[in-house]
Amino acid sequence: MCGLLHPQQGEVEVQGQKISALNGPALDRFRGEQFGIVFQQSHFIQSLSVMENLAIPHFLLGGKFPTSKAKELLGNLGIAHKAHAKPRALSVGEQQRASIARALIHQPSIVLADEPTSALDDASTAAVIGLLEDQCAEAGAALIVVTHDQRLKTRYSNRVELNPGTPQAS
């Protein structure tokens, strides 16, 4: 959906831009500006602090890093005290919350979240999905969640479910 893979058929259009018409640096820039991605695995640069990892997209896009917004996001996610820690010093759940902060920091138009709550307890799940929903609503961004987490599946009525052995949704 964000151009990591090309569609076998059809088009993906975001903010009036057909993603398949972009390639190389133009696609990277567009993806960096328009999408926030929460991967199932955190994919941090281990030699940098959490805050430095959050700043990378702004650095690559040539923008000013919103330090106060980053601190606020980390605080809302309950990991402000880990801002200057290296990712390996965080638990899996803390890394997942830091990944969510990284996805939201630049206020993308679409947030793609792959299993954003899989390593979280019930209270953290409610807080994290609430923050994702609130931040997306504030930015006018669409939130797309891929999950096996029943706590999230029952939360949403507008969903597409794919069962093993059935054709994919069209």
N, C-alpha and C. Protein backbone atom coordinates (compact mmCIF):
# COMPACT_ATOMS: atom_id res chain seq x y z
N MET A 1 0.81 -1.19 0.00
CA MET A 1 0.00 0.00 0.00
C MET A 1 0.86 1.26 0.00
N CYS A 2 2.00 1.22 0.65
CA CYS A 2 2.86 2.41 0.72
C CYS A 2 4.00 2.36 -0.28
N GLY A 3 3.93 1.43 -1.22
CA GLY A 3 4.94 1.37 -2.26
C GLY A 3 6.12 0.48 -1.96
N LEU A 4 6.08 -0.27 -0.87
CA LEU A 4 7.16 -1.22 -0.62
C LEU A 4 7.10 -2.36 -1.64
N LEU A 5 5.89 -2.69 -2.07
CA LEU A 5 5.66 -3.67 -3.14
C LEU A 5 4.76 -3.00 -4.18
N HIS A 6 4.90 -3.40 -5.42
CA HIS A 6 4.04 -2.87 -6.48
C HIS A 6 2.81 -3.75 -6.61
N PRO A 7 1.63 -3.14 -6.80
CA PRO A 7 0.42 -3.96 -6.93
C PRO A 7 0.45 -4.79 -8.21
N GLN A 8 -0.11 -5.98 -8.14
CA GLN A 8 -0.19 -6.83 -9.32
C GLN A 8 -1.29 -6.36 -10.25
N GLN A 9 -2.26 -5.66 -9.68
CA GLN A 9 -3.32 -5.06 -10.48
C GLN A 9 -3.89 -3.88 -9.72
N GLY A 10 -4.53 -2.98 -10.42
CA GLY A 10 -5.12 -1.81 -9.80
C GLY A 10 -4.08 -0.74 -9.50
N GLU A 11 -4.53 0.29 -8.82
CA GLU A 11 -3.69 1.43 -8.47
C GLU A 11 -3.85 1.77 -6.99
N VAL A 12 -2.80 2.28 -6.41
CA VAL A 12 -2.86 2.85 -5.06
C VAL A 12 -2.61 4.34 -5.23
N GLU A 13 -3.58 5.13 -4.78
CA GLU A 13 -3.48 6.58 -4.91
C GLU A 13 -3.63 7.20 -3.53
N VAL A 14 -2.69 8.07 -3.18
CA VAL A 14 -2.70 8.76 -1.89
C VAL A 14 -2.52 10.25 -2.15
N GLN A 15 -3.42 11.05 -1.61
CA GLN A 15 -3.36 12.50 -1.76
C GLN A 15 -3.23 12.89 -3.24
N GLY A 16 -3.94 12.16 -4.11
CA GLY A 16 -3.93 12.46 -5.53
C GLY A 16 -2.72 11.95 -6.29
N GLN A 17 -1.82 11.27 -5.62
CA GLN A 17 -0.58 10.76 -6.24
C GLN A 17 -0.68 9.25 -6.42
N LYS A 18 -0.53 8.79 -7.68
CA LYS A 18 -0.48 7.36 -7.93
C LYS A 18 0.92 6.88 -7.53
N ILE A 19 0.96 5.98 -6.56
CA ILE A 19 2.24 5.53 -6.02
C ILE A 19 3.06 4.79 -7.06
N SER A 20 2.40 4.05 -7.94
CA SER A 20 3.15 3.30 -8.96
C SER A 20 3.86 4.21 -9.96
N ALA A 21 3.48 5.48 -10.01
CA ALA A 21 4.14 6.43 -10.91
C ALA A 21 5.45 6.94 -10.31
N LEU A 22 5.70 6.62 -9.04
CA LEU A 22 6.92 7.08 -8.37
C LEU A 22 7.92 5.94 -8.27
N ASN A 23 9.20 6.29 -8.23
CA ASN A 23 10.21 5.28 -7.96
C ASN A 23 11.43 5.95 -7.34
N GLY A 24 12.31 5.14 -6.81
CA GLY A 24 13.56 5.63 -6.24
C GLY A 24 13.36 6.71 -5.19
N PRO A 25 14.14 7.78 -5.26
CA PRO A 25 14.09 8.85 -4.26
C PRO A 25 12.72 9.52 -4.14
N ALA A 26 12.01 9.65 -5.26
CA ALA A 26 10.69 10.29 -5.21
C ALA A 26 9.71 9.44 -4.40
N LEU A 27 9.76 8.13 -4.59
CA LEU A 27 8.89 7.24 -3.81
C LEU A 27 9.30 7.25 -2.34
N ASP A 28 10.59 7.23 -2.06
CA ASP A 28 11.07 7.28 -0.68
C ASP A 28 10.59 8.55 0.02
N ARG A 29 10.71 9.69 -0.66
CA ARG A 29 10.29 10.97 -0.08
C ARG A 29 8.78 10.96 0.17
N PHE A 30 8.01 10.51 -0.82
CA PHE A 30 6.56 10.47 -0.69
C PHE A 30 6.15 9.58 0.47
N ARG A 31 6.76 8.40 0.53
CA ARG A 31 6.46 7.46 1.62
C ARG A 31 6.80 8.10 2.97
N GLY A 32 7.95 8.75 3.03
CA GLY A 32 8.38 9.39 4.28
C GLY A 32 7.47 10.52 4.72
N GLU A 33 6.89 11.22 3.76
CA GLU A 33 6.00 12.34 4.09
C GLU A 33 4.58 11.89 4.40
N GLN A 34 4.09 10.89 3.69
CA GLN A 34 2.67 10.54 3.75
C GLN A 34 2.31 9.37 4.66
N PHE A 35 3.28 8.50 4.92
CA PHE A 35 2.98 7.29 5.67
C PHE A 35 3.73 7.22 6.99
N GLY A 36 3.05 6.74 7.99
CA GLY A 36 3.68 6.34 9.24
C GLY A 36 3.50 4.84 9.32
N ILE A 37 4.57 4.12 9.54
CA ILE A 37 4.49 2.67 9.52
C ILE A 37 4.95 2.11 10.86
N VAL A 38 4.11 1.29 11.45
CA VAL A 38 4.45 0.56 12.67
C VAL A 38 4.61 -0.89 12.25
N PHE A 39 5.87 -1.32 12.11
CA PHE A 39 6.15 -2.69 11.72
C PHE A 39 5.98 -3.62 12.91
N GLN A 40 5.79 -4.89 12.65
CA GLN A 40 5.66 -5.87 13.73
C GLN A 40 6.96 -5.95 14.53
N GLN A 41 8.10 -5.87 13.86
CA GLN A 41 9.41 -5.78 14.52
C GLN A 41 9.84 -4.32 14.47
N SER A 42 10.52 -3.84 15.50
CA SER A 42 10.76 -2.40 15.63
C SER A 42 11.74 -1.78 14.64
N HIS A 43 12.77 -2.47 14.19
CA HIS A 43 13.72 -1.96 13.19
C HIS A 43 14.36 -0.63 13.59
N PHE A 44 14.92 -0.57 14.76
CA PHE A 44 15.65 0.62 15.20
C PHE A 44 17.13 0.48 14.90
N ILE A 45 17.81 1.62 14.77
CA ILE A 45 19.27 1.61 14.69
C ILE A 45 19.75 1.51 16.13
N GLN A 46 20.37 0.40 16.47
CA GLN A 46 20.69 0.07 17.85
C GLN A 46 21.73 1.01 18.48
N SER A 47 22.57 1.64 17.68
CA SER A 47 23.59 2.52 18.24
C SER A 47 23.06 3.92 18.55
N LEU A 48 21.82 4.21 18.17
CA LEU A 48 21.21 5.51 18.44
C LEU A 48 20.18 5.40 19.56
N SER A 49 19.95 6.50 20.25
CA SER A 49 18.92 6.51 21.29
C SER A 49 17.53 6.49 20.65
N VAL A 50 16.53 6.27 21.47
CA VAL A 50 15.15 6.30 20.99
C VAL A 50 14.86 7.66 20.34
N MET A 51 15.23 8.75 21.00
CA MET A 51 14.97 10.08 20.47
C MET A 51 15.70 10.29 19.13
N GLU A 52 16.92 9.82 19.03
CA GLU A 52 17.67 9.95 17.77
C GLU A 52 17.00 9.12 16.66
N ASN A 53 16.49 7.94 17.00
CA ASN A 53 15.77 7.13 16.03
C ASN A 53 14.51 7.85 15.55
N LEU A 54 13.83 8.56 16.45
CA LEU A 54 12.64 9.31 16.06
C LEU A 54 12.99 10.46 15.12
N ALA A 55 14.19 11.00 15.25
CA ALA A 55 14.61 12.16 14.45
C ALA A 55 15.05 11.79 13.04
N ILE A 56 15.37 10.53 12.80
CA ILE A 56 15.92 10.14 11.49
C ILE A 56 15.03 10.55 10.31
N PRO A 57 13.73 10.28 10.33
CA PRO A 57 12.92 10.68 9.17
C PRO A 57 12.97 12.19 8.89
N HIS A 58 12.98 12.99 9.93
CA HIS A 58 13.05 14.44 9.73
C HIS A 58 14.39 14.84 9.14
N PHE A 59 15.44 14.21 9.62
CA PHE A 59 16.77 14.46 9.08
C PHE A 59 16.83 14.11 7.59
N LEU A 60 16.30 12.94 7.24
CA LEU A 60 16.33 12.49 5.84
C LEU A 60 15.48 13.36 4.93
N LEU A 61 14.38 13.90 5.45
CA LEU A 61 13.51 14.75 4.65
C LEU A 61 13.92 16.22 4.72
N GLY A 62 14.95 16.53 5.50
CA GLY A 62 15.43 17.90 5.58
C GLY A 62 14.58 18.82 6.44
N GLY A 63 13.77 18.26 7.31
CA GLY A 63 12.90 19.06 8.15
C GLY A 63 13.45 19.24 9.55
N LYS A 64 12.82 20.14 10.31
CA LYS A 64 13.22 20.39 11.69
C LYS A 64 12.51 19.36 12.58
N PHE A 65 13.27 18.75 13.45
CA PHE A 65 12.72 17.74 14.34
C PHE A 65 11.94 18.39 15.48
N PRO A 66 10.66 18.03 15.66
CA PRO A 66 9.83 18.60 16.73
C PRO A 66 10.10 17.91 18.07
N THR A 67 11.15 18.33 18.75
CA THR A 67 11.58 17.68 20.00
C THR A 67 10.47 17.65 21.04
N SER A 68 9.75 18.76 21.20
CA SER A 68 8.70 18.80 22.23
C SER A 68 7.57 17.84 21.88
N LYS A 69 7.22 17.72 20.60
CA LYS A 69 6.19 16.77 20.18
C LYS A 69 6.66 15.34 20.44
N ALA A 70 7.94 15.07 20.19
CA ALA A 70 8.49 13.73 20.43
C ALA A 70 8.41 13.39 21.92
N LYS A 71 8.78 14.33 22.77
CA LYS A 71 8.70 14.10 24.21
C LYS A 71 7.26 13.86 24.66
N GLU A 72 6.34 14.62 24.08
CA GLU A 72 4.92 14.46 24.42
C GLU A 72 4.41 13.08 24.00
N LEU A 73 4.75 12.67 22.77
CA LEU A 73 4.34 11.35 22.30
C LEU A 73 4.90 10.25 23.18
N LEU A 74 6.19 10.32 23.48
CA LEU A 74 6.81 9.31 24.34
C LEU A 74 6.15 9.29 25.72
N GLY A 75 5.80 10.47 26.23
CA GLY A 75 5.10 10.55 27.51
C GLY A 75 3.72 9.92 27.44
N ASN A 76 2.98 10.21 26.38
CA ASN A 76 1.65 9.63 26.21
C ASN A 76 1.71 8.11 26.09
N LEU A 77 2.82 7.62 25.57
CA LEU A 77 3.00 6.18 25.42
C LEU A 77 3.65 5.53 26.65
N GLY A 78 3.94 6.34 27.65
CA GLY A 78 4.49 5.82 28.90
C GLY A 78 5.96 5.45 28.85
N ILE A 79 6.71 6.03 27.92
CA ILE A 79 8.14 5.69 27.81
C ILE A 79 9.02 6.94 27.70
N ALA A 80 8.56 8.07 28.23
CA ALA A 80 9.37 9.29 28.19
C ALA A 80 10.71 9.09 28.89
N HIS A 81 10.72 8.28 29.92
CA HIS A 81 11.96 8.02 30.66
C HIS A 81 12.98 7.21 29.86
N LYS A 82 12.57 6.69 28.70
CA LYS A 82 13.45 5.90 27.84
C LYS A 82 13.93 6.69 26.62
N ALA A 83 13.66 7.99 26.57
CA ALA A 83 14.00 8.80 25.39
C ALA A 83 15.47 8.74 25.02
N HIS A 84 16.35 8.66 25.98
CA HIS A 84 17.79 8.67 25.70
C HIS A 84 18.43 7.29 25.84
N ALA A 85 17.59 6.28 26.00
CA ALA A 85 18.10 4.90 26.08
C ALA A 85 18.27 4.33 24.68
N LYS A 86 19.15 3.37 24.57
CA LYS A 86 19.32 2.64 23.32
C LYS A 86 18.17 1.63 23.20
N PRO A 87 17.73 1.33 21.99
CA PRO A 87 16.60 0.41 21.82
C PRO A 87 16.77 -0.93 22.51
N ARG A 88 17.99 -1.46 22.58
CA ARG A 88 18.19 -2.77 23.21
C ARG A 88 17.93 -2.73 24.72
N ALA A 89 17.87 -1.53 25.31
CA ALA A 89 17.58 -1.38 26.73
C ALA A 89 16.07 -1.35 27.00
N LEU A 90 15.26 -1.39 25.95
CA LEU A 90 13.81 -1.36 26.09
C LEU A 90 13.24 -2.78 25.99
N SER A 91 12.15 -3.01 26.70
CA SER A 91 11.44 -4.28 26.55
C SER A 91 10.80 -4.31 25.15
N VAL A 92 10.30 -5.46 24.76
CA VAL A 92 9.64 -5.57 23.46
C VAL A 92 8.45 -4.62 23.38
N GLY A 93 7.66 -4.55 24.45
CA GLY A 93 6.50 -3.65 24.48
C GLY A 93 6.92 -2.19 24.39
N GLU A 94 8.01 -1.82 25.08
CA GLU A 94 8.51 -0.43 25.00
C GLU A 94 9.02 -0.12 23.60
N GLN A 95 9.68 -1.08 22.97
CA GLN A 95 10.14 -0.87 21.60
C GLN A 95 8.95 -0.66 20.66
N GLN A 96 7.89 -1.41 20.89
CA GLN A 96 6.70 -1.27 20.06
C GLN A 96 6.08 0.12 20.24
N ARG A 97 6.05 0.61 21.47
CA ARG A 97 5.51 1.96 21.71
C ARG A 97 6.40 3.03 21.10
N ALA A 98 7.71 2.83 21.15
CA ALA A 98 8.63 3.77 20.50
C ALA A 98 8.43 3.74 18.98
N SER A 99 8.13 2.58 18.42
CA SER A 99 7.85 2.47 16.99
C SER A 99 6.59 3.26 16.62
N ILE A 100 5.62 3.23 17.50
CA ILE A 100 4.39 3.99 17.26
C ILE A 100 4.69 5.49 17.28
N ALA A 101 5.52 5.91 18.22
CA ALA A 101 5.91 7.33 18.27
C ALA A 101 6.63 7.72 16.97
N ARG A 102 7.51 6.86 16.50
CA ARG A 102 8.24 7.14 15.25
C ARG A 102 7.27 7.26 14.07
N ALA A 103 6.24 6.43 14.04
CA ALA A 103 5.27 6.48 12.95
C ALA A 103 4.41 7.74 12.99
N LEU A 104 4.16 8.27 14.17
CA LEU A 104 3.26 9.41 14.32
C LEU A 104 3.96 10.77 14.32
N ILE A 105 5.26 10.80 14.56
CA ILE A 105 5.96 12.06 14.83
C ILE A 105 5.85 13.07 13.69
N HIS A 106 5.79 12.64 12.46
CA HIS A 106 5.74 13.58 11.33
C HIS A 106 4.32 13.83 10.82
N GLN A 107 3.33 13.40 11.56
CA GLN A 107 1.91 13.61 11.24
C GLN A 107 1.59 13.17 9.81
N PRO A 108 1.70 11.89 9.54
CA PRO A 108 1.44 11.36 8.19
C PRO A 108 -0.06 11.39 7.86
N SER A 109 -0.38 11.22 6.58
CA SER A 109 -1.79 11.16 6.19
C SER A 109 -2.36 9.75 6.36
N ILE A 110 -1.48 8.74 6.38
CA ILE A 110 -1.91 7.35 6.58
C ILE A 110 -0.95 6.67 7.54
N VAL A 111 -1.51 5.98 8.52
CA VAL A 111 -0.70 5.19 9.44
C VAL A 111 -1.05 3.72 9.21
N LEU A 112 -0.02 2.95 8.88
CA LEU A 112 -0.17 1.51 8.71
C LEU A 112 0.44 0.84 9.94
N ALA A 113 -0.35 0.05 10.62
CA ALA A 113 0.12 -0.60 11.85
C ALA A 113 -0.02 -2.10 11.73
N ASP A 114 1.12 -2.79 11.75
CA ASP A 114 1.15 -4.25 11.67
C ASP A 114 1.32 -4.81 13.07
N GLU A 115 0.25 -5.36 13.63
CA GLU A 115 0.25 -5.94 14.97
C GLU A 115 0.80 -4.97 16.03
N PRO A 116 0.23 -3.75 16.12
CA PRO A 116 0.78 -2.74 17.03
C PRO A 116 0.65 -3.05 18.51
N THR A 117 -0.19 -4.02 18.87
CA THR A 117 -0.43 -4.31 20.28
C THR A 117 -0.07 -5.74 20.66
N SER A 118 0.61 -6.44 19.80
CA SER A 118 0.86 -7.87 20.04
C SER A 118 1.68 -8.15 21.29
N ALA A 119 2.54 -7.24 21.70
CA ALA A 119 3.39 -7.48 22.88
C ALA A 119 2.93 -6.68 24.10
N LEU A 120 1.69 -6.19 24.07
CA LEU A 120 1.23 -5.32 25.14
C LEU A 120 0.14 -5.96 25.99
N ASP A 121 0.11 -5.58 27.27
CA ASP A 121 -0.96 -6.04 28.14
C ASP A 121 -2.24 -5.26 27.83
N ASP A 122 -3.33 -5.62 28.49
CA ASP A 122 -4.63 -5.00 28.18
C ASP A 122 -4.62 -3.48 28.37
N ALA A 123 -4.06 -3.01 29.48
CA ALA A 123 -4.05 -1.56 29.75
C ALA A 123 -3.21 -0.82 28.71
N SER A 124 -2.04 -1.37 28.39
CA SER A 124 -1.18 -0.74 27.39
C SER A 124 -1.81 -0.80 26.01
N THR A 125 -2.51 -1.89 25.70
CA THR A 125 -3.20 -2.01 24.43
C THR A 125 -4.24 -0.90 24.28
N ALA A 126 -5.04 -0.71 25.31
CA ALA A 126 -6.07 0.34 25.27
C ALA A 126 -5.43 1.71 25.11
N ALA A 127 -4.35 1.96 25.84
CA ALA A 127 -3.67 3.26 25.75
C ALA A 127 -3.06 3.48 24.37
N VAL A 128 -2.40 2.46 23.84
CA VAL A 128 -1.72 2.60 22.55
C VAL A 128 -2.71 2.77 21.41
N ILE A 129 -3.75 1.95 21.37
CA ILE A 129 -4.70 2.08 20.26
C ILE A 129 -5.47 3.39 20.39
N GLY A 130 -5.75 3.81 21.63
CA GLY A 130 -6.38 5.11 21.83
C GLY A 130 -5.50 6.25 21.33
N LEU A 131 -4.20 6.18 21.61
CA LEU A 131 -3.28 7.20 21.13
C LEU A 131 -3.20 7.18 19.60
N LEU A 132 -3.11 6.00 19.01
CA LEU A 132 -3.09 5.90 17.55
C LEU A 132 -4.34 6.54 16.96
N GLU A 133 -5.50 6.20 17.51
CA GLU A 133 -6.76 6.76 17.00
C GLU A 133 -6.80 8.27 17.19
N ASP A 134 -6.43 8.75 18.37
CA ASP A 134 -6.47 10.20 18.65
C ASP A 134 -5.51 10.97 17.75
N GLN A 135 -4.28 10.47 17.62
CA GLN A 135 -3.29 11.16 16.81
C GLN A 135 -3.69 11.16 15.33
N CYS A 136 -4.22 10.05 14.88
CA CYS A 136 -4.66 9.99 13.48
C CYS A 136 -5.83 10.94 13.25
N ALA A 137 -6.77 10.98 14.18
CA ALA A 137 -7.90 11.90 14.05
C ALA A 137 -7.43 13.35 14.06
N GLU A 138 -6.50 13.66 14.96
CA GLU A 138 -5.96 15.03 15.06
C GLU A 138 -5.28 15.46 13.76
N ALA A 139 -4.56 14.53 13.15
CA ALA A 139 -3.82 14.84 11.91
C ALA A 139 -4.68 14.63 10.67
N GLY A 140 -5.90 14.12 10.83
CA GLY A 140 -6.74 13.81 9.68
C GLY A 140 -6.19 12.63 8.90
N ALA A 141 -5.52 11.73 9.59
CA ALA A 141 -4.88 10.57 8.94
C ALA A 141 -5.77 9.34 9.05
N ALA A 142 -5.68 8.51 8.04
CA ALA A 142 -6.35 7.21 8.07
C ALA A 142 -5.49 6.24 8.87
N LEU A 143 -6.13 5.36 9.62
CA LEU A 143 -5.43 4.34 10.39
C LEU A 143 -5.83 2.97 9.85
N ILE A 144 -4.84 2.21 9.42
CA ILE A 144 -5.08 0.87 8.91
C ILE A 144 -4.29 -0.09 9.80
N VAL A 145 -5.00 -1.01 10.45
CA VAL A 145 -4.39 -1.93 11.39
C VAL A 145 -4.53 -3.36 10.87
N VAL A 146 -3.43 -4.07 10.85
CA VAL A 146 -3.44 -5.51 10.55
C VAL A 146 -3.17 -6.21 11.87
N THR A 147 -4.07 -7.11 12.26
CA THR A 147 -3.93 -7.73 13.58
C THR A 147 -4.59 -9.10 13.67
N HIS A 148 -4.07 -9.88 14.59
CA HIS A 148 -4.72 -11.11 15.02
C HIS A 148 -5.29 -10.91 16.44
N ASP A 149 -5.05 -9.75 17.01
CA ASP A 149 -5.42 -9.43 18.39
C ASP A 149 -6.94 -9.26 18.50
N GLN A 150 -7.57 -10.19 19.16
CA GLN A 150 -9.03 -10.15 19.30
C GLN A 150 -9.50 -8.88 19.99
N ARG A 151 -8.66 -8.32 20.89
CA ARG A 151 -9.03 -7.08 21.58
C ARG A 151 -9.25 -5.95 20.58
N LEU A 152 -8.51 -5.95 19.50
CA LEU A 152 -8.67 -4.91 18.47
C LEU A 152 -9.74 -5.30 17.46
N LYS A 153 -9.81 -6.57 17.11
CA LYS A 153 -10.78 -7.00 16.12
C LYS A 153 -12.21 -6.69 16.56
N THR A 154 -12.49 -6.84 17.83
CA THR A 154 -13.84 -6.56 18.31
C THR A 154 -14.09 -5.06 18.48
N ARG A 155 -13.05 -4.26 18.44
CA ARG A 155 -13.16 -2.81 18.62
C ARG A 155 -13.72 -2.11 17.38
N TYR A 156 -13.49 -2.70 16.21
CA TYR A 156 -13.83 -2.04 14.96
C TYR A 156 -14.92 -2.78 14.20
N SER A 157 -15.89 -2.03 13.72
CA SER A 157 -16.93 -2.64 12.89
C SER A 157 -16.56 -2.55 11.41
N ASN A 158 -15.73 -1.59 11.04
CA ASN A 158 -15.33 -1.45 9.63
C ASN A 158 -14.00 -2.15 9.43
N ARG A 159 -14.10 -3.43 9.07
CA ARG A 159 -12.90 -4.24 8.94
C ARG A 159 -13.06 -5.24 7.80
N VAL A 160 -11.92 -5.71 7.35
CA VAL A 160 -11.87 -6.78 6.35
C VAL A 160 -11.18 -7.94 7.03
N GLU A 161 -11.82 -9.10 7.02
CA GLU A 161 -11.23 -10.28 7.63
C GLU A 161 -10.88 -11.28 6.55
N LEU A 162 -9.66 -11.77 6.62
CA LEU A 162 -9.22 -12.81 5.70
C LEU A 162 -8.98 -14.07 6.51
N ASN A 163 -9.60 -15.14 6.11
CA ASN A 163 -9.42 -16.41 6.80
C ASN A 163 -8.50 -17.29 5.97
N PRO A 164 -7.67 -18.09 6.63
CA PRO A 164 -6.79 -18.99 5.89
C PRO A 164 -7.61 -19.87 4.93
N GLY A 165 -7.10 -20.01 3.71
CA GLY A 165 -7.76 -20.88 2.76
C GLY A 165 -8.87 -20.21 1.97
N THR A 166 -9.16 -18.93 2.25
CA THR A 166 -10.17 -18.22 1.49
C THR A 166 -9.50 -17.22 0.56
N PRO A 167 -10.17 -16.84 -0.52
CA PRO A 167 -9.58 -15.85 -1.42
C PRO A 167 -9.38 -14.52 -0.70
N GLN A 168 -8.40 -13.77 -1.14
CA GLN A 168 -8.12 -12.47 -0.52
C GLN A 168 -9.22 -11.49 -0.89
N ALA A 169 -9.38 -10.49 -0.01
CA ALA A 169 -10.38 -9.45 -0.24
C ALA A 169 -10.02 -8.66 -1.50
N SER A 170 -11.01 -8.17 -2.17
CA SER A 170 -10.75 -7.38 -3.38
C SER A 170 -11.12 -5.93 -3.14
